[in-house]
Amino acid sequence: MRGKILFAYLIFLFYVNLMPRVPTVPISGGDKIAHFLEFLILGILGYNKAFLLVLPIVLEYLQLFVPGRCFSYYDMIANLIGFGVGVTVGWWYESGKKGALPFHKGRN
């Protein structure tokens, strides 16, 4: 089930990041928050999929070829930070479900 949700979310990410018309966010710096949140969710869903690390970079780069869109290093940084936080949250959540705490040395 998680794989199907991840696949559907990937389709959503490609659509949102590569559509010609840029969605607007009504708050200052809102586009960076949107980028962070998009990739935070991706990180949580795909925390154990290393190949997804290229997606925050590739999707921003592909915007160079979409009319009405532009490449931004700041957006890419927001993507990468969101993804990194999401991976950390996903890993932490899953390790907690299994009863193991991060950095736990075990019983003596």
C-alpha atoms as a PDB file:
ATOM      1  CA  MET A   1       0.000   0.000   0.000  1.00  0.00           C
ATOM      2  CA  ARG A   2       2.795   2.426   0.879  1.00  0.00           C
ATOM      3  CA  GLY A   3       4.359   1.833  -2.550  1.00  0.00           C
ATOM      4  CA  LYS A   4       1.116   2.811  -4.299  1.00  0.00           C
ATOM      5  CA  ILE A   5       0.836   5.990  -2.247  1.00  0.00           C
ATOM      6  CA  LEU A   6       4.478   6.835  -3.030  1.00  0.00           C
ATOM      7  CA  PHE A   7       3.891   6.242  -6.753  1.00  0.00           C
ATOM      8  CA  ALA A   8       0.779   8.447  -6.761  1.00  0.00           C
ATOM      9  CA  TYR A   9       2.666  11.156  -4.880  1.00  0.00           C
ATOM     10  CA  LEU A  10       5.521  11.012  -7.395  1.00  0.00           C
ATOM     11  CA  ILE A  11       3.039  11.610 -10.211  1.00  0.00           C
ATOM     12  CA  PHE A  12       1.615  14.544  -8.250  1.00  0.00           C
ATOM     13  CA  LEU A  13       5.133  15.994  -7.697  1.00  0.00           C
ATOM     14  CA  PHE A  14       6.018  15.751 -11.381  1.00  0.00           C
ATOM     15  CA  TYR A  15       2.736  17.409 -12.321  1.00  0.00           C
ATOM     16  CA  VAL A  16       3.007  20.275  -9.823  1.00  0.00           C
ATOM     17  CA  ASN A  17       6.693  20.952 -10.482  1.00  0.00           C
ATOM     18  CA  LEU A  18       6.538  20.741 -14.275  1.00  0.00           C
ATOM     19  CA  MET A  19       3.235  22.366 -15.173  1.00  0.00           C
ATOM     20  CA  PRO A  20       3.674  25.585 -17.173  1.00  0.00           C
ATOM     21  CA  ARG A  21       1.626  27.825 -14.892  1.00  0.00           C
ATOM     22  CA  VAL A  22       3.242  28.520 -11.544  1.00  0.00           C
ATOM     23  CA  PRO A  23       0.908  28.096  -8.571  1.00  0.00           C
ATOM     24  CA  THR A  24       1.013  31.096  -6.248  1.00  0.00           C
ATOM     25  CA  VAL A  25       1.171  31.124  -2.482  1.00  0.00           C
ATOM     26  CA  PRO A  26      -0.365  34.196  -0.796  1.00  0.00           C
ATOM     27  CA  ILE A  27       2.347  34.627   1.887  1.00  0.00           C
ATOM     28  CA  SER A  28       5.856  36.025   1.670  1.00  0.00           C
ATOM     29  CA  GLY A  29       8.360  33.233   1.006  1.00  0.00           C
ATOM     30  CA  GLY A  30       5.457  30.866   0.532  1.00  0.00           C
ATOM     31  CA  ASP A  31       6.973  29.173  -2.504  1.00  0.00           C
ATOM     32  CA  LYS A  32       9.961  28.039  -0.415  1.00  0.00           C
ATOM     33  CA  ILE A  33       7.598  26.690   2.244  1.00  0.00           C
ATOM     34  CA  ALA A  34       5.644  24.878  -0.471  1.00  0.00           C
ATOM     35  CA  HIS A  35       8.846  23.349  -1.866  1.00  0.00           C
ATOM     36  CA  PHE A  36       9.924  22.291   1.631  1.00  0.00           C
ATOM     37  CA  LEU A  37       6.551  20.667   2.388  1.00  0.00           C
ATOM     38  CA  GLU A  38       6.313  18.884  -0.987  1.00  0.00           C
ATOM     39  CA  PHE A  39       9.638  17.180  -0.461  1.00  0.00           C
ATOM     40  CA  LEU A  40       9.118  16.654   3.270  1.00  0.00           C
ATOM     41  CA  ILE A  41       6.185  14.417   2.363  1.00  0.00           C
ATOM     42  CA  LEU A  42       8.276  12.663  -0.286  1.00  0.00           C
ATOM     43  CA  GLY A  43      11.015  12.037   2.283  1.00  0.00           C
ATOM     44  CA  ILE A  44       8.546  10.571   4.767  1.00  0.00           C
ATOM     45  CA  LEU A  45       6.948   8.301   2.170  1.00  0.00           C
ATOM     46  CA  GLY A  46      10.228   7.189   0.599  1.00  0.00           C
ATOM     47  CA  TYR A  47      12.646   7.432   3.502  1.00  0.00           C
ATOM     48  CA  ASN A  48      14.260   4.100   2.610  1.00  0.00           C
ATOM     49  CA  LYS A  49      14.549   4.734  -1.141  1.00  0.00           C
ATOM     50  CA  ALA A  50      17.990   6.250  -1.796  1.00  0.00           C
ATOM     51  CA  PHE A  51      17.297   6.839  -5.513  1.00  0.00           C
ATOM     52  CA  LEU A  52      14.721   9.504  -4.588  1.00  0.00           C
ATOM     53  CA  LEU A  53      17.533  11.821  -3.461  1.00  0.00           C
ATOM     54  CA  VAL A  54      18.050  12.952  -7.070  1.00  0.00           C
ATOM     55  CA  LEU A  55      14.423  14.040  -7.457  1.00  0.00           C
ATOM     56  CA  PRO A  56      14.658  17.374  -5.573  1.00  0.00           C
ATOM     57  CA  ILE A  57      17.526  18.353  -7.884  1.00  0.00           C
ATOM     58  CA  VAL A  58      16.194  16.922 -11.145  1.00  0.00           C
ATOM     59  CA  LEU A  59      12.703  18.395 -10.835  1.00  0.00           C
ATOM     60  CA  GLU A  60      14.105  21.867 -10.250  1.00  0.00           C
ATOM     61  CA  TYR A  61      16.540  21.491 -13.155  1.00  0.00           C
ATOM     62  CA  LEU A  62      13.778  20.314 -15.520  1.00  0.00           C
ATOM     63  CA  GLN A  63      11.939  23.584 -14.923  1.00  0.00           C
ATOM     64  CA  LEU A  64      14.502  25.198 -17.243  1.00  0.00           C
ATOM     65  CA  PHE A  65      12.705  23.481 -20.135  1.00  0.00           C
ATOM     66  CA  VAL A  66       9.124  24.348 -19.098  1.00  0.00           C
ATOM     67  CA  PRO A  67       7.659  27.611 -20.475  1.00  0.00           C
ATOM     68  CA  GLY A  68       6.741  29.973 -17.652  1.00  0.00           C
ATOM     69  CA  ARG A  69       8.955  28.230 -15.102  1.00  0.00           C
ATOM     70  CA  CYS A  70      12.481  29.051 -14.000  1.00  0.00           C
ATOM     71  CA  PHE A  71      15.319  27.352 -12.182  1.00  0.00           C
ATOM     72  CA  SER A  72      16.142  28.535  -8.654  1.00  0.00           C
ATOM     73  CA  TYR A  73      18.957  27.387  -6.397  1.00  0.00           C
ATOM     74  CA  TYR A  74      16.917  28.535  -3.395  1.00  0.00           C
ATOM     75  CA  ASP A  75      14.009  26.314  -4.440  1.00  0.00           C
ATOM     76  CA  MET A  76      16.430  23.418  -4.870  1.00  0.00           C
ATOM     77  CA  ILE A  77      17.830  24.017  -1.387  1.00  0.00           C
ATOM     78  CA  ALA A  78      14.287  24.097   0.055  1.00  0.00           C
ATOM     79  CA  ASN A  79      13.599  20.825  -1.796  1.00  0.00           C
ATOM     80  CA  LEU A  80      16.710  19.152  -0.393  1.00  0.00           C
ATOM     81  CA  ILE A  81      16.165  20.362   3.168  1.00  0.00           C
ATOM     82  CA  GLY A  82      12.532  19.220   3.075  1.00  0.00           C
ATOM     83  CA  PHE A  83      13.552  15.836   1.699  1.00  0.00           C
ATOM     84  CA  GLY A  84      16.283  15.430   4.331  1.00  0.00           C
ATOM     85  CA  VAL A  85      13.932  16.302   7.178  1.00  0.00           C
ATOM     86  CA  GLY A  86      11.301  13.970   5.726  1.00  0.00           C
ATOM     87  CA  VAL A  87      13.749  11.066   5.477  1.00  0.00           C
ATOM     88  CA  THR A  88      14.787  11.661   9.081  1.00  0.00           C
ATOM     89  CA  VAL A  89      11.165  11.776  10.278  1.00  0.00           C
ATOM     90  CA  GLY A  90      10.247   8.660   8.256  1.00  0.00           C
ATOM     91  CA  TRP A  91      13.229   6.724   9.564  1.00  0.00           C
ATOM     92  CA  TRP A  92      12.560   7.832  13.147  1.00  0.00           C
ATOM     93  CA  TYR A  93       8.866   6.903  12.912  1.00  0.00           C
ATOM     94  CA  GLU A  94       9.522   3.485  11.390  1.00  0.00           C
ATOM     95  CA  SER A  95      12.294   2.639  13.859  1.00  0.00           C
ATOM     96  CA  GLY A  96       9.978   3.593  16.735  1.00  0.00           C
ATOM     97  CA  LYS A  97       7.243   1.276  15.425  1.00  0.00           C
ATOM     98  CA  LYS A  98       9.679  -1.613  15.504  1.00  0.00           C
ATOM     99  CA  GLY A  99      10.558  -0.888  19.120  1.00  0.00           C
ATOM    100  CA  ALA A 100      14.130   0.218  18.430  1.00  0.00           C
ATOM    101  CA  LEU A 101      15.234   3.679  19.396  1.00  0.00           C
ATOM    102  CA  PRO A 102      17.783   5.497  17.255  1.00  0.00           C
ATOM    103  CA  PHE A 103      21.306   5.026  18.599  1.00  0.00           C
ATOM    104  CA  HIS A 104      20.122   2.442  21.118  1.00  0.00           C
ATOM    105  CA  LYS A 105      22.976   0.175  22.210  1.00  0.00           C
ATOM    106  CA  GLY A 106      20.757  -2.586  23.494  1.00  0.00           C
ATOM    107  CA  ARG A 107      20.579  -4.178  26.893  1.00  0.00           C
ATOM    108  CA  ASN A 108      23.644  -5.048  28.898  1.00  0.00           C
END
